[in-house]
Structures are given as structure tokens and as C-alpha cells.
């Protein structure tokens, strides 16, 4: 029903070394003799390392994110022991960290690895080859850890996206209703997760069908959960038999109470369709009007626009009775991402479709079948836009004719 999803391309994450790239090492060591020894050991191994030395944590801090590996002495004058390590781990980001310990502090090295260091090295007990190998392994282990972390984050985002999809785009309740409902959802090109578009449908008494489509306006992390709250509230209100005149007011109360910012608002279209009579009672709250398709007749429903939800609570939004036509009509509901995508900055010839543009496209739709129409419309909008649409789009097509 919906086209959603998010992935992380690990190939675009620069976590490892380029071929032939020299390894940049920051040695944080306050003892000049020990610092000289470490540098000599790396030189002895003829390793492709560039080594910088910092004698204090304060001196090292600006350099931490510019290197591949940190060799950290745990006895600095301004940061000692595991506290110093924690400071480095906090500031170093994806940089590998190895600690340097004395012979009598080997237990401290073990504790450092438990804190997040890649390895520990005992001063005086490692030669150049061993030191070089330890640094290389530390960099590779850190790279592998980062890839695993990104993969886990990707899986979590995919799971969250699936949960939001179930909330925003539920399975319509169509039992006993002789009609088909075709739909599509596509997130905007700048976001992999679902945005704030939502829709739903509930059949009643085999003749009437309640439809909802809406859009929480804005681009951020709050839109999808708020869209879920509005859709769930609408379904609960309809199933509870709340009079149609009160439903939009109740949704507005939910919006105002659940939103995190007063700047968030929503556009909504609701319709109660009488399939037997071919009529619909439609209410709009700042949403584009549904479009009736009946043979060669393609026209937007003449419905009072109404004020968006969340701007001026309590404003009346009266219903408009619409004649859909003789048998063979279809009713199209959509979010404004379909008509107001606009040209992308790098596109030539891109243009907004607008309502009139969608009407013209529908008149020329050729052999597009109802089940294909939502996806076909989305493709037409992208073509006019000159590329992927920047906003989310949702399209819902009610077809009283059985095409299953």
C-alpha cells in the first residue's frame, strides 16, 4: 500500500583508511623520554605513520578529531587514569584510542579497554612491530565498531519507520462495503522516514464509507507521531459514533494538546460517502479539495475550504453535500505534496502542478487502471517537478466498482 523505508549506505561513511593513506597518530604523553621512545619505535617499524605529540589534555583536545588513532598516557598532569580516558573518548568521536600504561598498572589497562579503549600497551614491553600492529588493529577495530553501530541505527530507524507506517497508513476497515480503495504514500526526497501525511477509511452499514486524509505541516521529528495521533483519534471518534459536526473540533483539540510547538498545524479532508446514492458530505480544514472522476468529467469538488487545524480552534467548518455522479465515478483524495512540489533547484523546466494541473493530467490519463492511478499520479507529479518531490505525498482513490 505504501512506499516507505530508510537505509544507511555504509559505503558513504568514511570510517576507514583510503588506499595508501598514512595513519595520523596523536601521542598524548607528558614525559619527553617516553614520547621519544614511542616515536623511535614507530620509525623502527618503518610504518606509514605521522605522529603528533601533545603533553597535556588541554594541548591535545583541539587535535583529537584530526587523527586516526590516539596513544594516551594515563598519567597526564591535567587528566589522569580513567578520567583522562573518558575525556578523550568523549571528545575523539570515531577516533581509535589505545592507552599506555606502566608495568605496575597493567590492571588499569584492562579497565581502560572495558571503558571503551581499543587496546592497551605496556611501556617498555612492546617493540616497534608490536606497536605498529596495535595501532593498525585499533584503527580497524574502531572502524568495524562504527560500522556495526551505524547498522544498528539503520535497523532501529527501519523498525521505527515500520511502526509509524502502521500508525499513519493503517489497513482500512472496508468490511461489507462494495468498493475498492487504492493508495500510495511516498516520503519527500530529503527524508527516509515517514513524514506527517496520513489517511484512513472506515465502512459503515455496507453503504457509507468514512474517509480521512491529512497532513501535519512542517519538516521534523514531531510530524509523524502527531499524524498518528490524529489518525487514531479520528478512527476512534468515527467508530464511537460521534456526530460528524464534532469530529474536526475534536481532532483540533487533540492537535493542540499533543503538539510540541504552537507553530505546528494540520490540514485535513474528511468525507462521508453514500455509495448507494453517489453523494458525499465533505469537510475541509485548509486541505485541497477531493477530485471527482466520472468518465470525461474530472473536476475538484466545490467545497468550502475551511481553516487549518491548530490556528484558530473552534472555527466552524461546515459540510458540503457533493453529487459524485452516476455509477462509474471515482473520488480522489490527496495531500498538497502532490500539487505543490515545485521545481527542484537543479531541475530545468520543473513546475508546480496545482489542482488544475492534476485535473488536466487526470483527463489525459489514458489507460491507467484505478489500482495503478495513485502511483501513476505520483510519477506524473515528479515528471512535472523535474525530479523527486521535496514534500511527502499521499494519494487515496475510492472506486465503487469492484476491480479485484
Foldseek 3Di string as FASTA:
>chain_A
DEDAADFDDCVPPPQADDVPDAFEEEEAAQDVVLVVQLVVQQVVVVGRYDYDYHPACVRCLVVQQVGQEYEAEQDGPVHHAVRSLVVSPVRNPLHAYEYEAEPVCVVSQVVSVVVPHQGYDYPPPDGSVRVSVSNVVRSVVSSVVVVVVSRVVRVVQRVVLVVLCCLQEPDAACPLALWDKAKYKDAFPVDRGDFQWGKYWYDDPNFKIKIKIKGWDDDDDQRSVLSSQLVVLLVVCVVVPPDPQCSLLVSLVSNQVPDPDLPIWMKMKMWMAGRVQQKIWIWTAQWFAKWKDAPLDIGGWPADHHHIRRPDRPDGTGIDMGRRDDARMKIKDKGCLLFALAADPPFPQAGGCHPVNLSVCVSVVPPQDPNRVNVVSLVVSCVNRRHTGRHMMMMMMMHSHDPD
